[in-house]
Amino acid sequence: MPGVTIDEKAQNNGRVATSSSLTATDGTTPWLSPSGDFAFGFQKIQEKDQFLLCIWYAKIQEKSIIWHANTSDLVPQGSILNLDTQNGLILGDPQGTTLWTTDLVVGNIDYGFMNDTENFVVMRSDSTDPLWESFKNPTDTLLPDQTLERGGFLVSQRSQANFTQDNICVEIDNGGSGACGYNNVCNLGTNNRPVCNCPQEYSLLDPNDAYGDCKPDFSISCDDVGKGSPEDFYSFITIRDTDWPKADSKLIKPSSEQDCQSSCLNDCFCAVAIYRDNSCWQKKLPMTSGRIDTSLNSTAFIKIRKDGVPLPLSLGLPNNPGSRQSKNWQNWAIVLSTLLEIITCRKHYENEESYGLETILTNWVLDCFQEGKLEALVESDIEALNDKKQLERFVMVVFGAFRRIR
């Protein structure tokens, strides 16, 4: 690949002063590393009047590119790169329109530096840590000692002369979950970086991890089957051009939009239905590789639980997780959940002649419930005694499950 001519005498030990600039023209001297092995500047692509801002190996014939700016396209001849004291690197076309920037707003930038480690950094005098570095903004190559951080990504160029990136939300697929976690949705933000957002009525499992998994803020459960019409429990949020292409559980074809929505409503495992081209794709949780793509021309029906409809098997724990009452009820939830496990084990071993202590405990709780003497279970626990209805709900949950198991 042809590149600009390098003037070896122009080396300045890798340091680039603020207000320095490079112009995308033939013969412009790039910024060199101290050894002169690496160059930061413009390369002309295939003898056209179009240039790429990049880092390359300067002393080999091929001038192999190891990093390039995430511009939406090649830049025209006459484009200028400036190292600004306020915003860092700014690349503009001949008319002054900003095409790419390091997007720094801290100010007091002191200098740039092209390292012999292949890493270009932007520094300020009061810190030894880079404000920006090419290593933390990779494009299509990982270099020695370079790591790909969480939220980072690599995308190959479309062809030898076409450095336009494909849709990162479509192309990345690491471990089945794409650029974003389970149930999360990827969209391209500024500088073509992925931005992850949970769907409406979903929230992050870890609020500090924007790229992580999303959980529904409601319950989709088959326990509702037979208790009423699905319309009594669920409704839909409709959004455009959003899909989780690797979470398909069923394809219905042909289908209308109404039939697509209805089929998901009546399938207790269906969390989302995607309608496109007279076809309906049902999705079940967890959903992977979520993305927004305007080329899809699709409609997504996201199933949510109606307001005011109680969650199945809800234990109704107090809203204040730090209160003593909350801790007491959490302890009782554990105790009665253990009781449920005992009941379940009893079903599996129903042919045994004796159930031992498990049977005694189960029968004792059942007798207390039937005789209205649940206070015997909690003894002197004042909070539990003052909220007997809550305790009754716990026990009803357990023995309701017991009836289904039998």
Protein backbone atom coordinates (compact mmCIF):
# COMPACT_ATOMS: atom_id res chain seq x y z
CA MET A 1 0.00 0.00 0.00
CA PRO A 2 1.60 3.32 -1.00
CA GLY A 3 2.24 5.83 1.78
CA VAL A 4 3.58 9.30 2.26
CA THR A 5 7.32 9.85 2.19
CA ILE A 6 8.98 10.00 5.59
CA ASP A 7 11.68 12.55 6.27
CA GLU A 8 13.95 10.83 8.78
CA LYS A 9 15.44 14.20 9.79
CA ALA A 10 12.02 15.32 10.99
CA GLN A 11 12.15 13.03 14.04
CA ASN A 12 11.74 14.80 17.35
CA ASN A 13 12.02 11.90 19.80
CA GLY A 14 8.33 11.08 19.46
CA ARG A 15 7.08 14.21 21.21
CA VAL A 16 4.38 16.29 19.50
CA ALA A 17 3.75 19.81 20.82
CA THR A 18 0.25 21.26 21.11
CA SER A 19 -0.87 23.34 18.11
CA SER A 20 1.05 20.93 15.86
CA SER A 21 -0.84 19.83 12.76
CA LEU A 22 -0.73 17.41 9.84
CA THR A 23 -2.33 17.96 6.43
CA ALA A 24 -3.61 15.13 4.25
CA THR A 25 -1.47 15.73 1.16
CA ASP A 26 1.27 13.88 -0.68
CA GLY A 27 4.64 14.20 1.03
CA THR A 28 3.43 15.39 4.45
CA THR A 29 5.84 14.22 7.14
CA PRO A 30 4.12 12.13 9.82
CA TRP A 31 4.84 12.15 13.55
CA LEU A 32 7.47 9.48 14.23
CA SER A 33 8.35 7.38 17.26
CA PRO A 34 11.84 7.92 18.77
CA SER A 35 13.31 5.01 16.79
CA GLY A 36 11.49 6.00 13.62
CA ASP A 37 9.92 2.53 13.48
CA PHE A 38 6.34 3.83 13.73
CA ALA A 39 4.57 6.75 12.09
CA PHE A 40 1.36 8.60 12.93
CA GLY A 41 -0.19 10.55 10.08
CA PHE A 42 -2.03 10.26 6.77
CA GLN A 43 -1.72 7.49 4.21
CA LYS A 44 -3.05 7.87 0.70
CA ILE A 45 -5.24 4.92 -0.25
CA GLN A 46 -4.84 3.35 -3.72
CA GLU A 47 -3.60 6.49 -5.49
CA LYS A 48 -6.90 8.30 -4.92
CA ASP A 49 -7.26 11.74 -3.41
CA GLN A 50 -8.51 10.12 -0.23
CA PHE A 51 -6.50 9.61 2.94
CA LEU A 52 -6.63 7.59 6.14
CA LEU A 53 -5.46 8.87 9.53
CA CYS A 54 -3.46 5.95 10.89
CA ILE A 55 -0.37 4.47 12.54
CA TRP A 56 1.89 2.24 10.45
CA TYR A 57 5.25 0.50 10.35
CA ALA A 58 7.50 3.18 8.86
CA LYS A 59 10.63 1.23 7.95
CA ILE A 60 9.17 -1.59 5.90
CA GLN A 61 8.11 -1.49 2.28
CA GLU A 62 4.46 -2.40 2.86
CA LYS A 63 3.81 0.43 5.34
CA SER A 64 1.40 -1.94 7.15
CA ILE A 65 -1.33 -0.09 9.04
CA ILE A 66 -1.74 -1.14 12.68
CA TRP A 67 -4.32 1.46 13.77
CA HIS A 68 -6.63 3.93 12.10
CA ALA A 69 -9.15 6.52 13.25
CA ASN A 70 -12.78 5.44 13.37
CA THR A 71 -13.96 7.84 10.69
CA SER A 72 -17.10 6.91 8.77
CA ASP A 73 -15.11 7.08 5.52
CA LEU A 74 -11.74 8.08 4.10
CA VAL A 75 -10.98 11.79 4.40
CA PRO A 76 -10.45 14.12 1.41
CA GLN A 77 -7.15 15.69 0.44
CA GLY A 78 -6.51 18.87 2.39
CA SER A 79 -8.04 17.56 5.64
CA ILE A 80 -6.14 18.74 8.72
CA LEU A 81 -5.33 17.04 12.04
CA ASN A 82 -4.62 19.37 14.97
CA LEU A 83 -3.38 18.65 18.49
CA ASP A 84 -5.52 21.10 20.45
CA THR A 85 -4.79 22.14 24.04
CA GLN A 86 -8.45 21.77 25.03
CA ASN A 87 -9.84 18.83 23.05
CA GLY A 88 -6.86 16.72 22.00
CA LEU A 89 -6.71 15.43 18.44
CA ILE A 90 -9.22 17.00 16.05
CA LEU A 91 -9.53 15.95 12.41
CA GLY A 92 -11.42 18.28 10.09
CA ASP A 93 -12.09 18.39 6.36
CA PRO A 94 -10.93 21.33 4.18
CA GLN A 95 -14.17 23.18 4.99
CA GLY A 96 -13.57 22.88 8.74
CA THR A 97 -16.19 20.22 9.49
CA THR A 98 -15.04 17.90 12.30
CA LEU A 99 -14.67 14.33 11.01
CA TRP A 100 -13.12 12.69 14.08
CA THR A 101 -11.84 13.68 17.51
CA THR A 102 -10.45 12.14 20.67
CA ASP A 103 -13.33 14.04 22.32
CA LEU A 104 -11.42 15.22 25.37
CA VAL A 105 -12.92 18.06 27.40
CA VAL A 106 -10.44 18.25 30.27
CA GLY A 107 -8.22 20.97 28.78
CA ASN A 108 -4.59 21.70 29.74
CA ILE A 109 -3.25 19.19 27.22
CA ASP A 110 0.54 19.42 27.17
CA TYR A 111 1.75 17.19 24.34
CA GLY A 112 1.28 14.05 22.27
CA PHE A 113 3.75 11.20 22.01
CA MET A 114 4.30 8.46 19.42
CA ASN A 115 5.79 5.58 21.41
CA ASP A 116 8.02 2.80 20.15
CA THR A 117 5.39 0.47 21.64
CA GLU A 118 3.14 1.47 18.69
CA ASN A 119 0.91 3.48 21.06
CA PHE A 120 0.12 7.16 20.42
CA VAL A 121 -0.82 9.00 23.62
CA VAL A 122 -2.18 12.43 24.54
CA MET A 123 -0.73 13.74 27.82
CA ARG A 124 -0.96 16.65 30.19
CA SER A 125 1.85 17.85 32.42
CA ASP A 126 0.29 17.10 35.82
CA SER A 127 -0.31 13.38 35.18
CA THR A 128 1.64 10.34 34.07
CA ASP A 129 -1.51 8.62 32.82
CA PRO A 130 -2.55 9.26 29.20
CA LEU A 131 -5.73 11.26 28.66
CA TRP A 132 -6.21 9.30 25.46
CA GLU A 133 -4.27 6.49 23.78
CA SER A 134 -4.63 4.51 20.59
CA PHE A 135 -4.14 1.26 22.55
CA LYS A 136 -7.47 1.81 24.33
CA ASN A 137 -9.22 2.69 21.09
CA PRO A 138 -8.33 -0.25 18.80
CA THR A 139 -9.85 -0.69 15.37
CA ASP A 140 -8.91 -3.90 13.58
CA THR A 141 -5.60 -4.95 15.19
CA LEU A 142 -4.33 -5.93 18.64
CA LEU A 143 -0.61 -5.31 19.15
CA PRO A 144 1.90 -6.85 21.61
CA ASP A 145 1.13 -5.77 25.20
CA GLN A 146 -2.27 -4.44 24.07
CA THR A 147 -5.45 -5.74 25.71
CA LEU A 148 -9.07 -5.50 24.64
CA GLU A 149 -10.99 -4.02 27.55
CA ARG A 150 -14.62 -4.67 28.44
CA GLY A 151 -16.71 -2.69 25.99
CA GLY A 152 -13.89 -2.59 23.46
CA PHE A 153 -14.23 -4.17 20.03
CA LEU A 154 -12.42 -4.98 16.80
CA VAL A 155 -13.93 -4.72 13.33
CA SER A 156 -12.18 -5.62 10.10
CA GLN A 157 -12.27 -3.28 7.12
CA ARG A 158 -14.73 -4.17 4.36
CA SER A 159 -12.00 -4.45 1.71
CA GLN A 160 -8.37 -3.47 1.13
CA ALA A 161 -9.41 0.01 0.07
CA ASN A 162 -12.62 0.34 2.10
CA PHE A 163 -12.06 1.13 5.77
CA THR A 164 -15.75 1.77 6.49
CA GLN A 165 -16.79 -0.36 9.46
CA ASP A 166 -19.57 -2.89 9.39
CA ASN A 167 -22.29 -2.65 12.03
CA ILE A 168 -20.42 -3.60 15.20
CA CYS A 169 -23.68 -4.70 16.83
CA VAL A 170 -24.11 -7.26 14.05
CA GLU A 171 -20.52 -8.43 13.72
CA ILE A 172 -19.35 -8.92 17.31
CA ASP A 173 -20.38 -12.23 18.84
CA ASN A 174 -18.20 -13.15 21.79
CA GLY A 175 -19.58 -16.00 23.85
CA GLY A 176 -23.03 -15.74 22.30
CA SER A 177 -24.01 -12.41 23.80
CA GLY A 178 -22.60 -9.93 21.29
CA ALA A 179 -21.25 -6.55 22.33
CA CYS A 180 -23.87 -6.37 25.09
CA GLY A 181 -25.06 -8.91 27.66
CA TYR A 182 -28.14 -11.09 27.79
CA ASN A 183 -31.43 -9.27 27.00
CA ASN A 184 -29.44 -6.07 26.41
CA VAL A 185 -29.68 -4.12 23.14
CA CYS A 186 -26.71 -2.75 21.20
CA ASN A 187 -26.78 0.45 19.18
CA LEU A 188 -24.00 2.41 17.50
CA GLY A 189 -23.17 5.59 19.36
CA THR A 190 -20.67 8.34 18.68
CA ASN A 191 -17.40 7.28 17.06
CA ASN A 192 -19.14 4.04 16.05
CA ARG A 193 -18.77 2.58 19.53
CA PRO A 194 -21.43 0.22 20.87
CA VAL A 195 -23.93 1.63 23.36
CA CYS A 196 -25.98 -0.87 25.36
CA ASN A 197 -29.46 -0.18 26.72
CA CYS A 198 -31.98 -2.43 28.43
CA PRO A 199 -35.44 -2.64 26.83
CA GLN A 200 -38.30 -0.84 28.54
CA GLU A 201 -39.40 -2.67 31.71
CA TYR A 202 -35.95 -4.34 31.94
CA SER A 203 -33.01 -3.18 34.08
CA LEU A 204 -29.32 -4.01 34.48
CA LEU A 205 -28.49 -6.97 36.68
CA ASP A 206 -25.40 -5.04 37.75
CA PRO A 207 -26.16 -1.29 37.68
CA ASN A 208 -22.43 -0.57 37.34
CA ASP A 209 -22.01 -2.65 34.18
CA ALA A 210 -23.69 -0.95 31.22
CA TYR A 211 -22.50 -3.75 28.92
CA GLY A 212 -23.86 -6.48 31.17
CA ASP A 213 -27.04 -8.52 31.39
CA CYS A 214 -30.56 -7.09 31.69
CA LYS A 215 -33.30 -8.68 33.78
CA PRO A 216 -37.05 -8.19 33.40
CA ASP A 217 -38.62 -6.06 36.13
CA PHE A 218 -41.55 -8.47 36.18
CA SER A 219 -42.15 -12.20 35.94
CA ILE A 220 -43.01 -14.22 32.84
CA SER A 221 -44.34 -17.45 34.25
CA CYS A 222 -46.24 -20.52 33.14
CA ASP A 223 -47.84 -20.58 36.61
CA ASP A 224 -50.51 -18.25 35.21
CA VAL A 225 -51.76 -20.89 32.77
CA GLY A 226 -55.30 -21.91 33.63
CA LYS A 227 -55.85 -19.04 36.05
CA GLY A 228 -57.45 -16.73 33.51
CA SER A 229 -57.03 -15.26 30.07
CA PRO A 230 -53.45 -14.25 29.12
CA GLU A 231 -54.83 -10.78 28.35
CA ASP A 232 -55.57 -10.44 32.07
CA PHE A 233 -51.90 -10.80 32.92
CA TYR A 234 -49.84 -9.45 30.02
CA SER A 235 -49.66 -6.63 27.49
CA PHE A 236 -47.06 -5.57 24.90
CA ILE A 237 -44.65 -2.73 24.25
CA THR A 238 -44.06 -2.18 20.54
CA ILE A 239 -40.69 -0.98 19.23
CA ARG A 240 -39.18 -0.79 15.76
CA ASP A 241 -36.07 -2.35 14.24
CA THR A 242 -34.88 -4.19 17.35
CA ASP A 243 -34.05 -7.89 17.36
CA TRP A 244 -32.27 -10.65 19.28
CA PRO A 245 -31.45 -12.89 16.29
CA LYS A 246 -29.98 -15.77 18.30
CA ALA A 247 -32.86 -16.24 20.73
CA ASP A 248 -35.42 -17.78 18.35
CA SER A 249 -37.64 -20.46 19.87
CA LYS A 250 -40.31 -20.69 17.17
CA LEU A 251 -40.94 -19.45 13.62
CA ILE A 252 -44.52 -18.95 12.43
CA LYS A 253 -44.89 -18.41 8.70
CA PRO A 254 -47.04 -17.00 7.24
CA SER A 255 -48.29 -14.71 9.99
CA SER A 256 -49.92 -11.32 10.38
CA GLU A 257 -48.87 -8.78 13.00
CA GLN A 258 -51.98 -9.54 15.04
CA ASP A 259 -51.42 -13.30 14.84
CA CYS A 260 -47.77 -12.83 15.79
CA GLN A 261 -48.68 -10.86 18.89
CA SER A 262 -51.46 -13.29 19.81
CA SER A 263 -49.23 -16.35 19.47
CA CYS A 264 -46.67 -14.84 21.85
CA LEU A 265 -49.38 -13.84 24.31
CA ASN A 266 -50.65 -17.41 24.47
CA ASP A 267 -47.20 -18.99 24.78
CA CYS A 268 -46.01 -18.78 28.38
CA PHE A 269 -42.38 -19.17 27.30
CA CYS A 270 -42.49 -16.31 24.79
CA ALA A 271 -40.86 -13.06 25.98
CA VAL A 272 -40.65 -11.20 22.65
CA ALA A 273 -42.11 -11.66 19.18
CA ILE A 274 -40.49 -10.16 16.07
CA TYR A 275 -42.68 -9.55 13.01
CA ARG A 276 -41.12 -9.04 9.59
CA ASP A 277 -42.06 -9.97 6.01
CA ASN A 278 -45.20 -11.92 6.99
CA SER A 279 -43.16 -14.03 9.41
CA CYS A 280 -43.14 -14.20 13.21
CA TRP A 281 -40.14 -15.17 15.33
CA GLN A 282 -40.83 -15.94 18.98
CA LYS A 283 -38.01 -15.35 21.47
CA LYS A 284 -37.49 -16.85 24.90
CA LEU A 285 -35.30 -15.68 27.77
CA PRO A 286 -32.40 -15.21 27.98
CA MET A 287 -32.00 -13.40 24.66
CA THR A 288 -28.60 -12.86 23.05
CA SER A 289 -27.03 -10.54 20.47
CA GLY A 290 -29.66 -7.81 20.85
CA ARG A 291 -29.26 -4.92 18.45
CA ILE A 292 -30.97 -1.96 16.79
CA ASP A 293 -30.69 -2.00 13.01
CA THR A 294 -32.84 0.27 10.84
CA SER A 295 -32.34 -2.06 7.88
CA LEU A 296 -34.41 -4.74 9.62
CA ASN A 297 -37.78 -3.09 8.91
CA SER A 298 -39.27 -5.17 11.70
CA THR A 299 -41.60 -4.75 14.66
CA ALA A 300 -40.78 -6.14 18.10
CA PHE A 301 -43.56 -6.99 20.56
CA ILE A 302 -42.07 -7.10 24.08
CA LYS A 303 -44.34 -8.91 26.52
CA ILE A 304 -44.68 -7.25 29.93
CA ARG A 305 -46.80 -7.94 32.98
CA LYS A 306 -49.75 -5.62 33.50
CA ASP A 307 -49.61 -3.18 36.40
CA GLY A 308 -51.39 -4.39 39.50
CA VAL A 309 -51.30 -8.07 38.57
CA PRO A 310 -49.53 -9.98 41.39
CA LEU A 311 -46.43 -11.92 40.48
CA PRO A 312 -46.74 -15.71 40.62
CA LEU A 313 -45.51 -17.18 43.89
CA SER A 314 -44.78 -13.67 45.15
CA LEU A 315 -43.72 -13.71 48.78
CA GLY A 316 -44.57 -10.02 49.24
CA LEU A 317 -41.38 -9.16 51.13
CA PRO A 318 -41.23 -5.66 52.68
CA ASN A 319 -39.82 -2.99 50.42
CA ASN A 320 -37.17 -1.84 52.89
CA PRO A 321 -34.40 -4.45 52.59
CA GLY A 322 -32.45 -3.10 55.56
CA SER A 323 -35.23 -3.28 58.14
CA ARG A 324 -35.38 -5.87 60.92
CA GLN A 325 -38.79 -6.91 59.66
CA SER A 326 -37.37 -7.50 56.21
CA LYS A 327 -34.58 -9.65 57.62
CA ASN A 328 -37.07 -11.69 59.66
CA TRP A 329 -39.26 -12.34 56.64
CA GLN A 330 -36.22 -13.18 54.55
CA ASN A 331 -35.26 -15.75 57.17
CA TRP A 332 -38.77 -17.20 57.08
CA ALA A 333 -38.62 -17.31 53.29
CA ILE A 334 -35.47 -19.43 53.60
CA VAL A 335 -37.05 -21.72 56.21
CA LEU A 336 -40.21 -22.29 54.21
CA SER A 337 -38.27 -22.67 50.96
CA THR A 338 -36.35 -25.43 52.72
CA LEU A 339 -39.68 -26.93 53.73
CA LEU A 340 -40.71 -26.88 50.08
CA GLU A 341 -37.56 -28.82 49.22
CA ILE A 342 -38.45 -31.37 51.91
CA ILE A 343 -41.93 -31.75 50.43
CA THR A 344 -40.44 -32.17 46.97
CA CYS A 345 -38.05 -34.83 48.25
CA ARG A 346 -41.00 -36.56 49.92
CA LYS A 347 -42.67 -36.91 46.53
CA HIS A 348 -39.53 -38.49 45.07
CA TYR A 349 -39.30 -40.98 47.92
CA GLU A 350 -43.01 -41.67 48.38
CA ASN A 351 -42.49 -45.43 48.24
CA GLU A 352 -40.33 -45.42 51.37
CA GLU A 353 -41.96 -46.79 54.53
CA SER A 354 -40.84 -43.90 56.71
CA TYR A 355 -40.13 -40.25 56.04
CA GLY A 356 -38.50 -39.61 59.41
CA LEU A 357 -38.00 -36.08 60.67
CA GLU A 358 -38.95 -34.51 57.32
CA THR A 359 -42.44 -36.00 57.52
CA ILE A 360 -42.87 -34.90 61.14
CA LEU A 361 -41.87 -31.32 60.28
CA THR A 362 -44.12 -31.18 57.22
CA ASN A 363 -47.15 -32.59 59.05
CA TRP A 364 -46.58 -30.27 62.01
CA VAL A 365 -46.59 -27.15 59.83
CA LEU A 366 -49.66 -28.41 57.95
CA ASP A 367 -51.51 -29.12 61.21
CA CYS A 368 -50.66 -25.65 62.55
CA PHE A 369 -51.98 -24.09 59.35
CA GLN A 370 -55.23 -26.07 59.29
CA GLU A 371 -55.93 -25.41 62.98
CA GLY A 372 -55.15 -21.69 62.71
CA LYS A 373 -52.21 -21.93 65.13
CA LEU A 374 -49.37 -20.60 63.01
CA GLU A 375 -48.10 -18.60 66.00
CA ALA A 376 -46.59 -21.89 67.20
CA LEU A 377 -44.18 -21.67 64.28
CA VAL A 378 -42.80 -18.26 65.20
CA GLU A 379 -43.01 -18.40 69.00
CA SER A 380 -41.95 -14.98 70.34
CA ASP A 381 -41.22 -13.27 67.00
CA ILE A 382 -43.27 -10.09 67.52
CA GLU A 383 -43.02 -8.89 63.91
CA ALA A 384 -44.29 -12.20 62.57
CA LEU A 385 -47.08 -12.38 65.15
CA ASN A 386 -48.22 -8.88 64.17
CA ASP A 387 -48.45 -9.87 60.52
CA LYS A 388 -50.11 -13.28 60.57
CA LYS A 389 -51.55 -12.76 57.10
CA GLN A 390 -48.04 -12.52 55.71
CA LEU A 391 -47.08 -15.73 57.47
CA GLU A 392 -50.20 -17.44 56.12
CA ARG A 393 -49.20 -16.40 52.61
CA PHE A 394 -45.79 -18.01 53.07
CA VAL A 395 -47.29 -21.30 54.14
CA MET A 396 -49.96 -21.19 51.42
CA VAL A 397 -47.23 -20.73 48.83
CA VAL A 398 -45.40 -23.81 50.06
CA PHE A 399 -48.41 -26.08 50.30
CA GLY A 400 -49.83 -24.70 47.06
CA ALA A 401 -46.67 -25.97 45.45
CA PHE A 402 -47.11 -29.26 47.33
CA ARG A 403 -50.56 -29.75 45.77
CA ARG A 404 -49.10 -29.22 42.28
CA ILE A 405 -46.28 -31.67 43.02
CA ARG A 406 -48.76 -34.34 44.14
